[in-house]
PDB file of N, CA and C in Angstrom:
ATOM      1  N   MET A   1      -4.014 -17.675 -17.930  1.00  0.00           N
ATOM      2  CA  MET A   1      -2.990 -18.213 -18.899  1.00  0.00           C
ATOM      3  C   MET A   1      -3.595 -19.005 -18.804  1.00  0.00           C
ATOM      4  N   ALA A   2      -3.627 -20.342 -20.393  1.00  0.00           N
ATOM      5  CA  ALA A   2      -3.809 -22.071 -20.268  1.00  0.00           C
ATOM      6  C   ALA A   2      -3.083 -22.633 -19.646  1.00  0.00           C
ATOM      7  N   ALA A   3      -3.435 -23.871 -19.726  1.00  0.00           N
ATOM      8  CA  ALA A   3      -3.039 -24.731 -18.874  1.00  0.00           C
ATOM      9  C   ALA A   3      -2.138 -25.061 -19.825  1.00  0.00           C
ATOM     10  N   LEU A   4      -0.673 -25.696 -19.348  1.00  0.00           N
ATOM     11  CA  LEU A   4       0.421 -25.976 -20.318  1.00  0.00           C
ATOM     12  C   LEU A   4      -0.006 -27.601 -20.632  1.00  0.00           C
ATOM     13  N   ASP A   5       0.447 -28.056 -21.832  1.00  0.00           N
ATOM     14  CA  ASP A   5      -0.015 -29.893 -22.034  1.00  0.00           C
ATOM     15  C   ASP A   5       1.180 -30.092 -21.598  1.00  0.00           C
ATOM     16  N   GLY A   6       2.793 -29.928 -21.157  1.00  0.00           N
ATOM     17  CA  GLY A   6       4.106 -30.459 -20.542  1.00  0.00           C
ATOM     18  C   GLY A   6       4.670 -30.214 -22.146  1.00  0.00           C
ATOM     19  N   ASN A   7       4.691 -29.651 -23.279  1.00  0.00           N
ATOM     20  CA  ASN A   7       5.130 -30.114 -24.309  1.00  0.00           C
ATOM     21  C   ASN A   7       5.681 -28.352 -24.528  1.00  0.00           C
ATOM     22  N   GLU A   8       5.102 -27.691 -24.040  1.00  0.00           N
ATOM     23  CA  GLU A   8       4.862 -25.913 -23.665  1.00  0.00           C
ATOM     24  C   GLU A   8       6.050 -25.357 -22.736  1.00  0.00           C
ATOM     25  N   LYS A   9       6.435 -24.287 -22.739  1.00  0.00           N
ATOM     26  CA  LYS A   9       6.877 -23.875 -20.935  1.00  0.00           C
ATOM     27  C   LYS A   9       6.273 -22.764 -20.841  1.00  0.00           C
ATOM     28  N   ALA A  10       6.457 -22.249 -19.441  1.00  0.00           N
ATOM     29  CA  ALA A  10       5.619 -21.529 -18.896  1.00  0.00           C
ATOM     30  C   ALA A  10       6.304 -20.253 -19.632  1.00  0.00           C
ATOM     31  N   MET A  11       5.492 -19.108 -19.942  1.00  0.00           N
ATOM     32  CA  MET A  11       5.585 -17.852 -20.158  1.00  0.00           C
ATOM     33  C   MET A  11       5.787 -16.960 -18.630  1.00  0.00           C
ATOM     34  N   THR A  12       6.719 -16.351 -18.548  1.00  0.00           N
ATOM     35  CA  THR A  12       7.195 -16.173 -17.111  1.00  0.00           C
ATOM     36  C   THR A  12       7.390 -14.719 -17.676  1.00  0.00           C
ATOM     37  N   ASP A  13       7.765 -14.063 -18.448  1.00  0.00           N
ATOM     38  CA  ASP A  13       7.665 -12.976 -18.614  1.00  0.00           C
ATOM     39  C   ASP A  13       6.871 -12.065 -19.254  1.00  0.00           C
ATOM     40  N   ARG A  14       6.437 -11.007 -18.433  1.00  0.00           N
ATOM     41  CA  ARG A  14       5.255 -10.405 -18.917  1.00  0.00           C
ATOM     42  C   ARG A  14       5.393  -8.349 -19.430  1.00  0.00           C
ATOM     43  N   ILE A  15       4.859  -8.507 -20.442  1.00  0.00           N
ATOM     44  CA  ILE A  15       5.348  -6.639 -20.663  1.00  0.00           C
ATOM     45  C   ILE A  15       3.589  -6.610 -20.671  1.00  0.00           C
ATOM     46  N   THR A  16       3.169  -5.230 -19.628  1.00  0.00           N
ATOM     47  CA  THR A  16       2.114  -4.619 -20.030  1.00  0.00           C
ATOM     48  C   THR A  16       2.223  -3.522 -20.296  1.00  0.00           C
ATOM     49  N   ILE A  17       0.993  -2.613 -20.928  1.00  0.00           N
ATOM     50  CA  ILE A  17       1.328  -1.444 -21.730  1.00  0.00           C
ATOM     51  C   ILE A  17       0.105  -0.781 -21.369  1.00  0.00           C
ATOM     52  N   CYS A  18       0.302   0.660 -21.076  1.00  0.00           N
ATOM     53  CA  CYS A  18      -0.497   1.157 -20.573  1.00  0.00           C
ATOM     54  C   CYS A  18      -1.792   1.393 -21.832  1.00  0.00           C
ATOM     55  N   ALA A  19      -3.080   1.414 -21.361  1.00  0.00           N
ATOM     56  CA  ALA A  19      -4.186   1.229 -22.423  1.00  0.00           C
ATOM     57  C   ALA A  19      -4.526   2.936 -22.449  1.00  0.00           C
ATOM     58  N   SER A  20      -4.576   3.743 -21.803  1.00  0.00           N
ATOM     59  CA  SER A  20      -4.672   4.786 -21.666  1.00  0.00           C
ATOM     60  C   SER A  20      -4.064   5.616 -22.201  1.00  0.00           C
ATOM     61  N   CYS A  21      -2.717   5.530 -22.346  1.00  0.00           N
ATOM     62  CA  CYS A  21      -1.739   6.757 -22.527  1.00  0.00           C
ATOM     63  C   CYS A  21      -2.117   7.089 -23.907  1.00  0.00           C
ATOM     64  N   ARG A  22      -1.767   8.379 -24.238  1.00  0.00           N
ATOM     65  CA  ARG A  22      -2.032   9.633 -25.265  1.00  0.00           C
ATOM     66  C   ARG A  22      -1.244  10.453 -25.768  1.00  0.00           C
ATOM     67  N   ALA A  23      -0.693  10.859 -26.316  1.00  0.00           N
ATOM     68  CA  ALA A  23       0.052  12.289 -26.673  1.00  0.00           C
ATOM     69  C   ALA A  23      -1.233  13.476 -26.840  1.00  0.00           C
ATOM     70  N   ALA A  24      -1.247  14.144 -26.734  1.00  0.00           N
ATOM     71  CA  ALA A  24      -1.991  15.837 -27.151  1.00  0.00           C
ATOM     72  C   ALA A  24      -2.462  15.316 -27.992  1.00  0.00           C
ATOM     73  N   GLY A  25      -4.307  15.381 -28.337  1.00  0.00           N
ATOM     74  CA  GLY A  25      -5.063  15.182 -29.677  1.00  0.00           C
ATOM     75  C   GLY A  25      -4.893  13.908 -30.496  1.00  0.00           C
ATOM     76  N   GLU A  26      -4.338  12.614 -29.577  1.00  0.00           N
ATOM     77  CA  GLU A  26      -4.630  11.563 -30.339  1.00  0.00           C
ATOM     78  C   GLU A  26      -5.329  10.478 -29.433  1.00  0.00           C
ATOM     79  N   ALA A  27      -5.755   9.464 -29.923  1.00  0.00           N
ATOM     80  CA  ALA A  27      -6.370   8.383 -29.181  1.00  0.00           C
ATOM     81  C   ALA A  27      -5.098   7.466 -28.764  1.00  0.00           C
ATOM     82  N   PRO A  28      -5.636   6.802 -27.074  1.00  0.00           N
ATOM     83  CA  PRO A  28      -5.093   5.958 -26.985  1.00  0.00           C
ATOM     84  C   PRO A  28      -3.972   4.935 -28.203  1.00  0.00           C
ATOM     85  N   ARG A  29      -2.606   4.720 -27.465  1.00  0.00           N
ATOM     86  CA  ARG A  29      -1.797   3.191 -29.135  1.00  0.00           C
ATOM     87  C   ARG A  29      -1.846   2.220 -28.488  1.00  0.00           C
ATOM     88  N   GLY A  30      -2.094   1.946 -27.195  1.00  0.00           N
ATOM     89  CA  GLY A  30      -1.398   1.210 -26.024  1.00  0.00           C
ATOM     90  C   GLY A  30      -2.030  -0.370 -26.639  1.00  0.00           C
ATOM     91  N   ALA A  31      -3.469  -0.368 -26.531  1.00  0.00           N
ATOM     92  CA  ALA A  31      -4.051  -1.871 -27.216  1.00  0.00           C
ATOM     93  C   ALA A  31      -3.272  -1.898 -28.379  1.00  0.00           C
ATOM     94  N   ALA A  32      -3.208  -1.445 -29.394  1.00  0.00           N
ATOM     95  CA  ALA A  32      -2.731  -1.423 -30.892  1.00  0.00           C
ATOM     96  C   ALA A  32      -1.211  -1.982 -31.096  1.00  0.00           C
ATOM     97  N   LEU A  33      -0.308  -1.286 -29.724  1.00  0.00           N
ATOM     98  CA  LEU A  33       1.058  -1.486 -29.642  1.00  0.00           C
ATOM     99  C   LEU A  33       0.771  -3.021 -29.043  1.00  0.00           C
ATOM    100  N   ALA A  34      -0.191  -3.337 -28.402  1.00  0.00           N
ATOM    101  CA  ALA A  34       0.314  -4.964 -27.272  1.00  0.00           C
ATOM    102  C   ALA A  34      -0.306  -6.008 -28.647  1.00  0.00           C
ATOM    103  N   ALA A  35      -1.782  -5.387 -29.105  1.00  0.00           N
ATOM    104  CA  ALA A  35      -1.765  -6.751 -30.321  1.00  0.00           C
ATOM    105  C   ALA A  35      -0.367  -6.993 -31.146  1.00  0.00           C
ATOM    106  N   ARG A  36       0.508  -6.343 -31.826  1.00  0.00           N
ATOM    107  CA  ARG A  36       1.448  -6.299 -32.635  1.00  0.00           C
ATOM    108  C   ARG A  36       2.687  -6.951 -31.958  1.00  0.00           C
ATOM    109  N   LEU A  37       2.680  -6.469 -30.504  1.00  0.00           N
ATOM    110  CA  LEU A  37       3.960  -7.058 -29.902  1.00  0.00           C
ATOM    111  C   LEU A  37       3.167  -8.831 -29.276  1.00  0.00           C
ATOM    112  N   ARG A  38       2.227  -9.159 -29.463  1.00  0.00           N
ATOM    113  CA  ARG A  38       1.807 -10.503 -28.930  1.00  0.00           C
ATOM    114  C   ARG A  38       2.063 -11.310 -30.306  1.00  0.00           C
ATOM    115  N   ILE A  39       2.059 -10.735 -31.323  1.00  0.00           N
ATOM    116  CA  ILE A  39       2.016 -11.709 -32.580  1.00  0.00           C
ATOM    117  C   ILE A  39       3.925 -11.742 -32.475  1.00  0.00           C
ATOM    118  N   ALA A  40       4.283 -10.475 -32.059  1.00  0.00           N
ATOM    119  CA  ALA A  40       5.912 -10.554 -32.389  1.00  0.00           C
ATOM    120  C   ALA A  40       6.453 -11.086 -31.754  1.00  0.00           C
ATOM    121  N   LEU A  41       6.350 -11.507 -29.962  1.00  0.00           N
ATOM    122  CA  LEU A  41       6.703 -12.245 -29.124  1.00  0.00           C
ATOM    123  C   LEU A  41       5.782 -13.398 -29.196  1.00  0.00           C
ATOM    124  N   GLU A  42       5.358 -13.670 -30.042  1.00  0.00           N
ATOM    125  CA  GLU A  42       4.238 -15.280 -29.308  1.00  0.00           C
ATOM    126  C   GLU A  42       5.182 -16.320 -29.208  1.00  0.00           C
ATOM    127  N   GLY A  43       4.712 -16.653 -27.735  1.00  0.00           N
ATOM    128  CA  GLY A  43       5.382 -18.060 -27.227  1.00  0.00           C
ATOM    129  C   GLY A  43       6.802 -17.462 -26.628  1.00  0.00           C
ATOM    130  N   ARG A  44       6.940 -16.651 -26.840  1.00  0.00           N
ATOM    131  CA  ARG A  44       8.444 -15.841 -25.538  1.00  0.00           C
ATOM    132  C   ARG A  44       8.207 -14.982 -24.301  1.00  0.00           C
ATOM    133  N   ALA A  45       6.621 -14.293 -24.736  1.00  0.00           N
ATOM    134  CA  ALA A  45       6.477 -13.232 -23.620  1.00  0.00           C
ATOM    135  C   ALA A  45       4.808 -13.067 -23.827  1.00  0.00           C
ATOM    136  N   GLU A  46       4.295 -13.063 -22.243  1.00  0.00           N
ATOM    137  CA  GLU A  46       2.635 -12.779 -22.016  1.00  0.00           C
ATOM    138  C   GLU A  46       2.980 -10.895 -22.497  1.00  0.00           C
ATOM    139  N   VAL A  47       1.821 -10.385 -23.308  1.00  0.00           N
ATOM    140  CA  VAL A  47       1.671  -9.334 -23.663  1.00  0.00           C
ATOM    141  C   VAL A  47       0.372  -8.847 -23.061  1.00  0.00           C
ATOM    142  N   GLY A  48       0.044  -7.591 -22.438  1.00  0.00           N
ATOM    143  CA  GLY A  48      -1.500  -7.408 -21.887  1.00  0.00           C
ATOM    144  C   GLY A  48      -1.223  -5.863 -21.666  1.00  0.00           C
ATOM    145  N   THR A  49      -2.240  -5.448 -21.222  1.00  0.00           N
ATOM    146  CA  THR A  49      -2.890  -3.845 -21.073  1.00  0.00           C
ATOM    147  C   THR A  49      -2.992  -3.772 -19.439  1.00  0.00           C
ATOM    148  N   ALA A  50      -2.923  -2.795 -19.141  1.00  0.00           N
ATOM    149  CA  ALA A  50      -3.912  -1.983 -17.556  1.00  0.00           C
ATOM    150  C   ALA A  50      -4.115  -0.710 -17.942  1.00  0.00           C
ATOM    151  N   ASP A  51      -5.056  -0.296 -17.578  1.00  0.00           N
ATOM    152  CA  ASP A  51      -6.430   0.569 -18.075  1.00  0.00           C
ATOM    153  C   ASP A  51      -5.041   2.053 -17.619  1.00  0.00           C
ATOM    154  N   CYS A  52      -4.056   2.053 -16.569  1.00  0.00           N
ATOM    155  CA  CYS A  52      -3.194   3.008 -16.487  1.00  0.00           C
ATOM    156  C   CYS A  52      -2.304   2.563 -15.868  1.00  0.00           C
ATOM    157  N   LEU A  53      -0.925   3.245 -16.066  1.00  0.00           N
ATOM    158  CA  LEU A  53       0.598   2.929 -15.178  1.00  0.00           C
ATOM    159  C   LEU A  53       0.833   4.442 -14.619  1.00  0.00           C
ATOM    160  N   ASN A  54      -0.001   4.999 -14.632  1.00  0.00           N
ATOM    161  CA  ASN A  54       0.553   6.488 -13.713  1.00  0.00           C
ATOM    162  C   ASN A  54       1.442   7.207 -13.725  1.00  0.00           C
ATOM    163  N   VAL A  55       1.694   7.248 -15.500  1.00  0.00           N
ATOM    164  CA  VAL A  55       3.112   7.856 -16.092  1.00  0.00           C
ATOM    165  C   VAL A  55       2.093   9.048 -16.881  1.00  0.00           C
ATOM    166  N   CYS A  56       1.487   9.426 -16.943  1.00  0.00           N
ATOM    167  CA  CYS A  56       0.420  10.439 -17.443  1.00  0.00           C
ATOM    168  C   CYS A  56       1.413  11.006 -18.334  1.00  0.00           C
ATOM    169  N   LYS A  57       1.972  11.799 -17.659  1.00  0.00           N
ATOM    170  CA  LYS A  57       3.285  12.825 -18.666  1.00  0.00           C
ATOM    171  C   LYS A  57       3.600  12.659 -19.136  1.00  0.00           C
ATOM    172  N   SER A  58       4.165  11.245 -19.609  1.00  0.00           N
ATOM    173  CA  SER A  58       4.976  10.359 -20.336  1.00  0.00           C
ATOM    174  C   SER A  58       3.959   9.570 -21.418  1.00  0.00           C
ATOM    175  N   PRO A  59       3.693   9.680 -21.985  1.00  0.00           N
ATOM    176  CA  PRO A  59       2.949   8.898 -22.556  1.00  0.00           C
ATOM    177  C   PRO A  59       3.924   8.265 -24.087  1.00  0.00           C
ATOM    178  N   LEU A  60       3.908   7.124 -24.327  1.00  0.00           N
ATOM    179  CA  LEU A  60       2.977   5.667 -24.015  1.00  0.00           C
ATOM    180  C   LEU A  60       4.475   5.091 -22.547  1.00  0.00           C
ATOM    181  N   ALA A  61       3.775   3.869 -21.684  1.00  0.00           N
ATOM    182  CA  ALA A  61       4.004   3.957 -20.679  1.00  0.00           C
ATOM    183  C   ALA A  61       4.086   2.251 -20.748  1.00  0.00           C
ATOM    184  N   PHE A  62       5.386   1.489 -20.307  1.00  0.00           N
ATOM    185  CA  PHE A  62       4.630  -0.047 -20.600  1.00  0.00           C
ATOM    186  C   PHE A  62       5.812  -0.388 -19.270  1.00  0.00           C
ATOM    187  N   SER A  63       5.164  -2.070 -18.741  1.00  0.00           N
ATOM    188  CA  SER A  63       6.342  -2.345 -17.808  1.00  0.00           C
ATOM    189  C   SER A  63       6.542  -3.931 -18.269  1.00  0.00           C
ATOM    190  N   VAL A  64       7.963  -4.087 -17.865  1.00  0.00           N
ATOM    191  CA  VAL A  64       8.504  -5.212 -18.423  1.00  0.00           C
ATOM    192  C   VAL A  64       8.482  -6.096 -16.803  1.00  0.00           C
ATOM    193  N   ARG A  65       8.303  -7.563 -16.481  1.00  0.00           N
ATOM    194  CA  ARG A  65       8.753  -8.024 -15.393  1.00  0.00           C
ATOM    195  C   ARG A  65       7.806  -9.804 -15.152  1.00  0.00           C
ATOM    196  N   ALA A  66       8.705 -10.138 -14.386  1.00  0.00           N
ATOM    197  CA  ALA A  66       8.874 -11.539 -14.606  1.00  0.00           C
ATOM    198  C   ALA A  66       9.298 -11.917 -13.085  1.00  0.00           C
ATOM    199  N   THR A  67       8.164 -13.125 -12.656  1.00  0.00           N
ATOM    200  CA  THR A  67       8.535 -13.698 -11.326  1.00  0.00           C
ATOM    201  C   THR A  67      10.371 -13.957 -11.149  1.00  0.00           C
ATOM    202  N   GLY A  68      10.819 -13.519 -10.072  1.00  0.00           N
ATOM    203  CA  GLY A  68      12.616 -13.777  -9.812  1.00  0.00           C
ATOM    204  C   GLY A  68      13.312 -12.663 -10.577  1.00  0.00           C
ATOM    205  N   LYS A  69      12.605 -11.552 -11.289  1.00  0.00           N
ATOM    206  CA  LYS A  69      13.336 -10.814 -12.041  1.00  0.00           C
ATOM    207  C   LYS A  69      13.440  -9.285 -11.535  1.00  0.00           C
ATOM    208  N   ALA A  70      14.388  -8.976 -12.011  1.00  0.00           N
ATOM    209  CA  ALA A  70      13.808  -6.861 -11.611  1.00  0.00           C
ATOM    210  C   ALA A  70      13.066  -6.560 -12.894  1.00  0.00           C
ATOM    211  N   ALA A  71      12.330  -5.801 -12.204  1.00  0.00           N
ATOM    212  CA  ALA A  71      11.246  -5.141 -13.078  1.00  0.00           C
ATOM    213  C   ALA A  71      11.248  -3.690 -13.402  1.00  0.00           C
ATOM    214  N   TYR A  72      10.951  -3.227 -14.551  1.00  0.00           N
ATOM    215  CA  TYR A  72      11.194  -2.368 -15.688  1.00  0.00           C
ATOM    216  C   TYR A  72      10.604  -1.201 -15.646  1.00  0.00           C
ATOM    217  N   LEU A  73      10.397   0.154 -15.857  1.00  0.00           N
ATOM    218  CA  LEU A  73       8.991   0.816 -16.577  1.00  0.00           C
ATOM    219  C   LEU A  73       9.575   1.426 -17.396  1.00  0.00           C
ATOM    220  N   PHE A  74       8.854   1.872 -17.926  1.00  0.00           N
ATOM    221  CA  PHE A  74       9.592   2.712 -19.316  1.00  0.00           C
ATOM    222  C   PHE A  74       8.066   3.985 -19.466  1.00  0.00           C
ATOM    223  N   ALA A  75       8.351   5.242 -19.968  1.00  0.00           N
ATOM    224  CA  ALA A  75       7.447   6.127 -20.552  1.00  0.00           C
ATOM    225  C   ALA A  75       8.417   6.846 -21.702  1.00  0.00           C
ATOM    226  N   GLY A  76       7.222   7.498 -22.632  1.00  0.00           N
ATOM    227  CA  GLY A  76       7.875   8.646 -23.585  1.00  0.00           C
ATOM    228  C   GLY A  76       7.989   7.691 -24.513  1.00  0.00           C
ATOM    229  N   VAL A  77       7.450   6.428 -24.825  1.00  0.00           N
ATOM    230  CA  VAL A  77       7.706   5.587 -25.499  1.00  0.00           C
ATOM    231  C   VAL A  77       6.739   5.725 -27.079  1.00  0.00           C
ATOM    232  N   ASP A  78       7.756   6.208 -28.094  1.00  0.00           N
ATOM    233  CA  ASP A  78       6.684   6.027 -29.501  1.00  0.00           C
ATOM    234  C   ASP A  78       6.355   4.862 -30.145  1.00  0.00           C
ATOM    235  N   PRO A  79       5.339   4.154 -29.827  1.00  0.00           N
ATOM    236  CA  PRO A  79       5.082   2.855 -30.394  1.00  0.00           C
ATOM    237  C   PRO A  79       4.960   2.936 -32.188  1.00  0.00           C
ATOM    238  N   GLY A  80       4.862   3.594 -32.748  1.00  0.00           N
ATOM    239  CA  GLY A  80       5.055   3.786 -34.218  1.00  0.00           C
ATOM    240  C   GLY A  80       6.622   3.711 -34.764  1.00  0.00           C
ATOM    241  N   LEU A  81       7.415   4.422 -33.410  1.00  0.00           N
ATOM    242  CA  LEU A  81       8.766   3.896 -33.979  1.00  0.00           C
ATOM    243  C   LEU A  81       9.449   3.082 -33.411  1.00  0.00           C
ATOM    244  N   GLN A  82       9.138   2.316 -32.099  1.00  0.00           N
ATOM    245  CA  GLN A  82      10.249   1.706 -31.174  1.00  0.00           C
ATOM    246  C   GLN A  82       9.717   0.333 -30.731  1.00  0.00           C
ATOM    247  N   GLU A  83       8.697   0.025 -32.148  1.00  0.00           N
ATOM    248  CA  GLU A  83       8.528  -1.436 -31.593  1.00  0.00           C
ATOM    249  C   GLU A  83       9.283  -2.788 -31.737  1.00  0.00           C
ATOM    250  N   ALA A  84      10.075  -2.279 -32.825  1.00  0.00           N
ATOM    251  CA  ALA A  84      11.311  -3.071 -32.465  1.00  0.00           C
ATOM    252  C   ALA A  84      12.643  -3.131 -31.637  1.00  0.00           C
ATOM    253  N   GLU A  85      12.713  -2.357 -31.365  1.00  0.00           N
ATOM    254  CA  GLU A  85      13.513  -1.535 -29.981  1.00  0.00           C
ATOM    255  C   GLU A  85      12.693  -2.866 -28.781  1.00  0.00           C
ATOM    256  N   ILE A  86      11.122  -1.894 -28.363  1.00  0.00           N
ATOM    257  CA  ILE A  86      10.798  -3.175 -27.624  1.00  0.00           C
ATOM    258  C   ILE A  86      10.770  -4.714 -27.217  1.00  0.00           C
ATOM    259  N   VAL A  87      10.631  -5.071 -28.808  1.00  0.00           N
ATOM    260  CA  VAL A  87      11.176  -6.423 -28.751  1.00  0.00           C
ATOM    261  C   VAL A  87      12.677  -7.222 -28.742  1.00  0.00           C
ATOM    262  N   ALA A  88      13.454  -5.950 -28.969  1.00  0.00           N
ATOM    263  CA  ALA A  88      15.531  -6.405 -28.880  1.00  0.00           C
ATOM    264  C   ALA A  88      15.136  -6.481 -27.363  1.00  0.00           C
ATOM    265  N   PHE A  89      14.163  -5.737 -26.667  1.00  0.00           N
ATOM    266  CA  PHE A  89      14.430  -5.397 -25.397  1.00  0.00           C
ATOM    267  C   PHE A  89      14.422  -6.534 -24.449  1.00  0.00           C
ATOM    268  N   ALA A  90      12.941  -7.410 -25.104  1.00  0.00           N
ATOM    269  CA  ALA A  90      11.958  -8.579 -24.318  1.00  0.00           C
ATOM    270  C   ALA A  90      13.652  -9.671 -24.777  1.00  0.00           C
ATOM    271  N   ALA A  91      13.937  -9.746 -25.351  1.00  0.00           N
ATOM    272  CA  ALA A  91      15.022 -10.372 -25.708  1.00  0.00           C
ATOM    273  C   ALA A  91      16.114 -10.815 -24.655  1.00  0.00           C
ATOM    274  N   LEU A  92      16.922  -9.339 -24.928  1.00  0.00           N
ATOM    275  CA  LEU A  92      17.762  -9.359 -23.798  1.00  0.00           C
ATOM    276  C   LEU A  92      17.395  -9.510 -22.394  1.00  0.00           C
ATOM    277  N   TYR A  93      16.037  -9.252 -22.212  1.00  0.00           N
ATOM    278  CA  TYR A  93      15.778  -9.639 -20.870  1.00  0.00           C
ATOM    279  C   TYR A  93      15.058 -11.245 -20.113  1.00  0.00           C
ATOM    280  N   ALA A  94      14.510 -11.582 -21.384  1.00  0.00           N
ATOM    281  CA  ALA A  94      14.126 -13.591 -21.341  1.00  0.00           C
ATOM    282  C   ALA A  94      16.027 -13.747 -21.183  1.00  0.00           C
ATOM    283  N   ALA A  95      16.748 -13.561 -21.662  1.00  0.00           N
ATOM    284  CA  ALA A  95      18.307 -14.115 -21.435  1.00  0.00           C
ATOM    285  C   ALA A  95      19.206 -13.278 -20.242  1.00  0.00           C
ATOM    286  N   ALA A  96      18.455 -12.617 -19.692  1.00  0.00           N
ATOM    287  CA  ALA A  96      19.205 -12.083 -18.933  1.00  0.00           C
ATOM    288  C   ALA A  96      18.862 -13.078 -17.249  1.00  0.00           C
ATOM    289  N   PRO A  97      20.093 -13.124 -16.740  1.00  0.00           N
ATOM    290  CA  PRO A  97      19.772 -14.128 -15.495  1.00  0.00           C
ATOM    291  C   PRO A  97      18.958 -12.768 -14.413  1.00  0.00           C
ATOM    292  N   GLY A  98      17.792 -13.564 -13.725  1.00  0.00           N
ATOM    293  CA  GLY A  98      17.874 -11.952 -12.558  1.00  0.00           C
ATOM    294  C   GLY A  98      17.150 -10.916 -13.577  1.00  0.00           C
ATOM    295  N   GLY A  99      17.192 -10.855 -14.575  1.00  0.00           N
ATOM    296  CA  GLY A  99      16.374  -9.750 -15.203  1.00  0.00           C
ATOM    297  C   GLY A  99      17.426  -8.674 -15.285  1.00  0.00           C
ATOM    298  N   GLU A 100      18.342  -8.692 -15.226  1.00  0.00           N
ATOM    299  CA  GLU A 100      19.702  -7.170 -14.952  1.00  0.00           C
ATOM    300  C   GLU A 100      20.425  -7.523 -16.447  1.00  0.00           C
ATOM    301  N   ILE A 101      20.191  -6.544 -17.100  1.00  0.00           N
ATOM    302  CA  ILE A 101      20.486  -6.356 -18.307  1.00  0.00           C
ATOM    303  C   ILE A 101      21.279  -5.348 -17.991  1.00  0.00           C
ATOM    304  N   THR A 102      22.648  -5.648 -18.776  1.00  0.00           N
ATOM    305  CA  THR A 102      23.749  -4.929 -18.438  1.00  0.00           C
ATOM    306  C   THR A 102      24.276  -3.879 -19.447  1.00  0.00           C
ATOM    307  N   ASP A 103      23.838  -4.157 -20.557  1.00  0.00           N
ATOM    308  CA  ASP A 103      23.908  -3.489 -22.074  1.00  0.00           C
ATOM    309  C   ASP A 103      22.504  -3.674 -23.000  1.00  0.00           C
ATOM    310  N   ALA A 104      22.074  -2.223 -22.952  1.00  0.00           N
ATOM    311  CA  ALA A 104      21.116  -2.013 -22.994  1.00  0.00           C
ATOM    312  C   ALA A 104      21.008  -1.327 -24.689  1.00  0.00           C
ATOM    313  N   ARG A 105      22.692  -1.099 -25.076  1.00  0.00           N
ATOM    314  CA  ARG A 105      22.596  -0.241 -26.711  1.00  0.00           C
ATOM    315  C   ARG A 105      21.786  -1.282 -27.684  1.00  0.00           C
ATOM    316  N   PRO A 106      22.048  -2.407 -27.734  1.00  0.00           N
ATOM    317  CA  PRO A 106      20.831  -3.048 -28.587  1.00  0.00           C
ATOM    318  C   PRO A 106      19.544  -2.919 -28.844  1.00  0.00           C
ATOM    319  N   CYS A 107      19.151  -1.960 -27.652  1.00  0.00           N
ATOM    320  CA  CYS A 107      17.611  -1.253 -27.473  1.00  0.00           C
ATOM    321  C   CYS A 107      17.195   0.351 -28.162  1.00  0.00           C
ATOM    322  N   GLY A 108      18.689   0.364 -28.658  1.00  0.00           N
ATOM    323  CA  GLY A 108      18.564   1.661 -29.662  1.00  0.00           C
ATOM    324  C   GLY A 108      17.673   2.948 -28.595  1.00  0.00           C
ATOM    325  N   ARG A 109      16.855   3.982 -28.998  1.00  0.00           N
ATOM    326  CA  ARG A 109      16.629   4.838 -28.223  1.00  0.00           C
ATOM    327  C   ARG A 109      15.779   4.420 -26.757  1.00  0.00           C
ATOM    328  N   LEU A 110      15.190   3.407 -26.735  1.00  0.00           N
ATOM    329  CA  LEU A 110      14.373   2.875 -25.570  1.00  0.00           C
ATOM    330  C   LEU A 110      15.202   2.861 -24.590  1.00  0.00           C
ATOM    331  N   ARG A 111      16.525   2.342 -24.071  1.00  0.00           N
ATOM    332  CA  ARG A 111      16.994   2.491 -23.211  1.00  0.00           C
ATOM    333  C   ARG A 111      17.130   4.243 -22.253  1.00  0.00           C
ATOM    334  N   HIS A 112      16.969   5.207 -23.586  1.00  0.00           N
ATOM    335  CA  HIS A 112      16.543   6.452 -22.402  1.00  0.00           C
ATOM    336  C   HIS A 112      15.082   6.852 -22.362  1.00  0.00           C
ATOM    337  N   CYS A 113      14.414   5.709 -22.523  1.00  0.00           N
ATOM    338  CA  CYS A 113      12.730   5.884 -22.197  1.00  0.00           C
ATOM    339  C   CYS A 113      12.468   5.294 -20.663  1.00  0.00           C
ATOM    340  N   LEU A 114      13.590   4.740 -20.364  1.00  0.00           N
ATOM    341  CA  LEU A 114      13.741   4.192 -18.784  1.00  0.00           C
ATOM    342  C   LEU A 114      13.478   4.928 -17.910  1.00  0.00           C
ATOM    343  N   ILE A 115      12.597   4.617 -16.708  1.00  0.00           N
ATOM    344  CA  ILE A 115      11.977   5.344 -15.609  1.00  0.00           C
ATOM    345  C   ILE A 115      12.991   4.450 -14.480  1.00  0.00           C
ATOM    346  N   GLY A 116      12.625   3.609 -14.679  1.00  0.00           N
ATOM    347  CA  GLY A 116      13.327   2.908 -13.349  1.00  0.00           C
ATOM    348  C   GLY A 116      13.302   1.656 -13.382  1.00  0.00           C
ATOM    349  N   ARG A 117      14.219   0.813 -12.511  1.00  0.00           N
ATOM    350  CA  ARG A 117      14.634  -0.413 -12.225  1.00  0.00           C
ATOM    351  C   ARG A 117      13.768  -0.813 -10.931  1.00  0.00           C
ATOM    352  N   ILE A 118      13.019  -2.307 -10.900  1.00  0.00           N
ATOM    353  CA  ILE A 118      12.781  -2.561  -9.171  1.00  0.00           C
ATOM    354  C   ILE A 118      13.706  -3.811  -9.205  1.00  0.00           C
ATOM    355  N   PRO A 119      14.344  -3.874  -8.279  1.00  0.00           N
ATOM    356  CA  PRO A 119      15.531  -5.007  -8.114  1.00  0.00           C
ATOM    357  C   PRO A 119      14.301  -6.476  -8.003  1.00  0.00           C
ATOM    358  N   ALA A 120      14.568  -7.539  -8.446  1.00  0.00           N
ATOM    359  CA  ALA A 120      13.882  -8.788  -8.191  1.00  0.00           C
ATOM    360  C   ALA A 120      13.402  -8.806  -6.795  1.00  0.00           C
TER     361      ALA A 120
END
């Protein structure tokens, strides 16, 4: 991450998307989703990719984490249909003390893709 000039807020929330996740017969879609989320979440969260998040049986997988906050792992996400739900989750996560989200209904179906939460 680039150095901050004093007028910028450090982005501590980070979304990491599996770059190798793919449904049967499809090309990986994680890098394309990451590019779209970087635009949608500009200035609010860092978005990157990882070679593999080891949830290969349920593509597409991504994680959300930040220093001092609970971390989340999602899988079985449809990047074509759930991009807005990921953006909604990012907003809830940013506003949640310690990253603990108590009502994920604004995230739609994404809340059913949660694999687990790791306490801070």
